[in-house]
Amino acid sequence: MAAIRPDEISNIIRQQIEQYDQDVKVSNVGTVLQVGDGIARIYGLDKAMSGELLDFADGTVGIALNLEEDNVGAVLMGQGLGIQEGSAVTATGRIAEIPVGEAMLGRVVDALARPIDGKGDIKTTESRLIESPAPGIVSRRSVYEPMQTGITAIDAMIPVGRGQRELIIGDRQTGKTAIAIDTII
């Protein structure tokens, strides 16, 4: 058996001390209390933010929506078949956001803006929060371009501007859906 000299031991210890990484990582981890119908109740995510992305142990992503005193209600953005009572959930610290820009045009994405069309990643430089506040009514551009619905009675009596919301209200079986579809097509 080879004898190890004291200076070799001290050199090994010095090398290990130099390579030691002392980064402290604090994570917000909770436990699934209940899961069903695309909703999960989670205990232990005390610092979760509304709209924050959550990582479940099976790889499913969720969004924290219902923040209560003792638990968090999250919407599952996937099948979530591997999520069981007692599974671990980690808060990511990121609010749900999507990439925006020219690269998004013509692409097919899922609910979290991940591409599902097989054309590779979407490369953009900007992103926006999914739940961002709408601009105030004063700062919006006014509606100036008319939109023809194709239904003479509506076009004559109730002018609709392009980009404007319009409520279609009426009794059952009176053609509300038909009007909306005819306008879209």
Protein backbone atom coordinates (compact mmCIF):
# COMPACT_ATOMS: atom_id res chain seq x y z
CA MET A 1 0.00 0.00 0.00
CA ALA A 2 1.39 3.37 -1.00
CA ALA A 3 1.84 5.89 1.75
CA ILE A 4 0.30 9.32 1.22
CA ARG A 5 2.47 12.19 2.31
CA PRO A 6 1.02 15.05 4.39
CA ASP A 7 1.86 17.64 1.72
CA GLU A 8 -0.14 15.63 -0.87
CA ILE A 9 -3.14 15.60 1.45
CA SER A 10 -2.92 19.35 2.02
CA ASN A 11 -2.61 19.95 -1.77
CA ILE A 12 -5.72 17.85 -2.43
CA ILE A 13 -7.64 19.72 0.27
CA ARG A 14 -6.52 23.10 -1.15
CA GLN A 15 -7.65 22.07 -4.66
CA GLN A 16 -11.03 20.99 -3.35
CA ILE A 17 -11.43 24.25 -1.42
CA GLU A 18 -10.60 26.27 -4.56
CA GLN A 19 -13.15 24.29 -6.60
CA TYR A 20 -15.85 24.55 -3.95
CA ASP A 21 -18.96 26.34 -5.22
CA GLN A 22 -20.80 28.08 -2.41
CA ASP A 23 -23.81 29.32 -4.39
CA VAL A 24 -26.90 29.17 -2.23
CA LYS A 25 -30.10 28.51 -4.13
CA VAL A 26 -33.40 29.14 -2.42
CA SER A 27 -36.41 27.61 -4.11
CA ASN A 28 -40.09 27.80 -3.37
CA VAL A 29 -41.32 24.19 -3.35
CA GLY A 30 -44.82 22.97 -2.60
CA THR A 31 -46.80 19.74 -2.51
CA VAL A 32 -49.85 18.80 -4.58
CA LEU A 33 -52.90 18.43 -2.34
CA GLN A 34 -55.44 17.64 -5.03
CA VAL A 35 -55.48 17.40 -8.83
CA GLY A 36 -58.32 16.98 -11.30
CA ASP A 37 -59.95 18.54 -14.36
CA GLY A 38 -56.81 20.48 -15.27
CA ILE A 39 -56.62 22.19 -11.85
CA ALA A 40 -54.15 21.46 -9.05
CA ARG A 41 -54.30 22.61 -5.43
CA ILE A 42 -50.83 23.08 -3.99
CA TYR A 43 -49.72 23.53 -0.39
CA GLY A 44 -46.46 25.26 0.54
CA LEU A 45 -45.97 27.83 -2.23
CA ASP A 46 -46.06 30.79 0.16
CA LYS A 47 -44.22 33.19 -2.15
CA ALA A 48 -46.03 32.33 -5.41
CA MET A 49 -47.13 35.26 -7.57
CA SER A 50 -50.34 35.46 -9.54
CA GLY A 51 -49.65 34.22 -13.06
CA GLU A 52 -46.32 32.63 -12.08
CA LEU A 53 -45.16 29.55 -13.98
CA LEU A 54 -44.91 26.39 -11.87
CA ASP A 55 -42.89 23.25 -12.68
CA PHE A 56 -44.44 19.96 -11.61
CA ALA A 57 -42.35 16.84 -10.91
CA ASP A 58 -43.58 15.09 -14.08
CA GLY A 59 -42.50 18.01 -16.30
CA THR A 60 -45.94 19.59 -16.66
CA VAL A 61 -46.08 23.38 -16.50
CA GLY A 62 -48.81 25.19 -14.60
CA ILE A 63 -49.84 28.77 -13.95
CA ALA A 64 -50.63 29.93 -10.40
CA LEU A 65 -53.97 31.72 -10.48
CA ASN A 66 -55.91 31.30 -7.25
CA LEU A 67 -53.72 32.47 -4.36
CA GLU A 68 -55.23 31.62 -0.99
CA GLU A 69 -53.80 31.76 2.54
CA ASP A 70 -52.92 28.10 2.84
CA ASN A 71 -52.83 26.86 -0.77
CA VAL A 72 -52.48 27.87 -4.41
CA GLY A 73 -54.80 26.91 -7.25
CA ALA A 74 -52.95 26.30 -10.52
CA VAL A 75 -54.12 25.66 -14.06
CA LEU A 76 -52.24 22.81 -15.74
CA MET A 77 -50.88 23.64 -19.19
CA GLY A 78 -50.59 20.02 -20.28
CA GLN A 79 -52.03 16.57 -19.68
CA GLY A 80 -50.72 16.31 -16.14
CA LEU A 81 -51.32 12.56 -16.07
CA GLY A 82 -48.19 11.98 -13.98
CA ILE A 83 -49.20 14.46 -11.28
CA GLN A 84 -50.35 12.77 -8.11
CA GLU A 85 -51.24 13.84 -4.61
CA GLY A 86 -47.96 14.51 -2.80
CA SER A 87 -45.98 15.36 -5.97
CA ALA A 88 -43.48 18.21 -5.72
CA VAL A 89 -44.12 21.57 -7.39
CA THR A 90 -41.49 24.29 -7.84
CA ALA A 91 -42.22 27.98 -8.39
CA THR A 92 -40.04 29.33 -11.22
CA GLY A 93 -40.16 33.01 -10.27
CA ARG A 94 -41.20 33.88 -13.85
CA ILE A 95 -44.56 35.29 -14.86
CA ALA A 96 -46.10 33.65 -17.94
CA GLU A 97 -44.96 35.51 -21.05
CA ILE A 98 -44.85 34.92 -24.79
CA PRO A 99 -42.40 35.97 -27.49
CA VAL A 100 -43.61 38.73 -29.81
CA GLY A 101 -42.35 39.93 -33.16
CA GLU A 102 -42.16 39.07 -36.85
CA ALA A 103 -40.92 35.54 -36.10
CA MET A 104 -44.32 34.68 -34.55
CA LEU A 105 -46.26 35.41 -37.75
CA GLY A 106 -47.53 32.24 -39.39
CA ARG A 107 -46.36 29.95 -36.58
CA VAL A 108 -48.52 27.45 -34.70
CA VAL A 109 -47.94 27.50 -30.94
CA ASP A 110 -49.43 25.94 -27.84
CA ALA A 111 -50.88 27.78 -24.83
CA LEU A 112 -47.39 28.71 -23.59
CA ALA A 113 -46.22 29.91 -27.04
CA ARG A 114 -44.03 26.86 -27.62
CA PRO A 115 -43.92 25.97 -31.34
CA ILE A 116 -45.85 22.84 -32.34
CA ASP A 117 -45.54 23.19 -36.11
CA GLY A 118 -42.17 21.45 -36.45
CA LYS A 119 -40.37 24.56 -37.77
CA GLY A 120 -37.98 24.84 -34.82
CA ASP A 121 -37.64 27.43 -32.08
CA ILE A 122 -39.07 30.93 -32.41
CA LYS A 123 -36.23 33.43 -32.24
CA THR A 124 -37.42 36.82 -30.99
CA THR A 125 -35.81 39.55 -28.96
CA GLU A 126 -38.96 40.80 -27.22
CA SER A 127 -41.60 39.18 -25.06
CA ARG A 128 -44.83 40.29 -23.41
CA LEU A 129 -46.69 39.14 -20.34
CA ILE A 130 -49.72 36.99 -21.14
CA GLU A 131 -51.79 38.88 -18.57
CA SER A 132 -50.78 42.44 -19.38
CA PRO A 133 -53.08 45.39 -18.71
CA ALA A 134 -54.86 46.87 -21.72
CA PRO A 135 -53.97 50.45 -22.68
CA GLY A 136 -56.33 53.12 -21.37
CA ILE A 137 -59.22 54.31 -23.53
CA VAL A 138 -57.63 57.74 -24.02
CA SER A 139 -54.32 56.36 -25.33
CA ARG A 140 -55.97 54.01 -27.85
CA ARG A 141 -56.27 54.92 -31.50
CA SER A 142 -59.87 55.70 -32.39
CA VAL A 143 -61.86 53.34 -34.60
CA TYR A 144 -61.92 54.95 -38.04
CA GLU A 145 -62.36 52.14 -40.56
CA PRO A 146 -65.85 50.67 -41.04
CA MET A 147 -66.35 46.91 -41.22
CA GLN A 148 -69.07 45.51 -43.41
CA THR A 149 -70.83 42.51 -41.90
CA GLY A 150 -72.51 41.55 -45.16
CA ILE A 151 -75.94 41.81 -43.54
CA THR A 152 -77.65 44.92 -44.90
CA ALA A 153 -79.90 45.51 -41.87
CA ILE A 154 -76.95 45.49 -39.47
CA ASP A 155 -74.69 47.57 -41.72
CA ALA A 156 -77.43 50.21 -42.10
CA MET A 157 -78.63 50.43 -38.47
CA ILE A 158 -75.58 49.54 -36.37
CA PRO A 159 -72.28 50.57 -37.99
CA VAL A 160 -69.41 48.45 -36.70
CA GLY A 161 -65.84 49.74 -36.77
CA ARG A 162 -62.93 47.44 -37.58
CA GLY A 163 -61.16 46.51 -34.33
CA GLN A 164 -64.22 47.38 -32.25
CA ARG A 165 -65.98 44.89 -30.00
CA GLU A 166 -69.67 44.40 -30.54
CA LEU A 167 -72.12 42.45 -28.39
CA ILE A 168 -74.57 40.19 -30.20
CA ILE A 169 -77.43 39.52 -27.82
CA GLY A 170 -80.75 37.81 -28.36
CA ASP A 171 -82.98 34.89 -27.49
CA ARG A 172 -82.10 31.28 -28.23
CA GLN A 173 -82.32 30.07 -31.82
CA THR A 174 -82.50 33.59 -33.30
CA GLY A 175 -79.30 33.40 -35.39
CA LYS A 176 -76.65 35.07 -33.21
CA THR A 177 -74.01 32.51 -34.13
CA ALA A 178 -74.97 32.67 -37.81
CA ILE A 179 -74.47 36.46 -37.80
CA ALA A 180 -71.05 36.12 -36.17
CA ILE A 181 -69.91 33.39 -38.57
CA ASP A 182 -71.20 35.27 -41.64
CA THR A 183 -69.32 38.37 -40.47
CA ILE A 184 -66.09 36.44 -39.94
CA ILE A 185 -66.28 34.65 -43.27
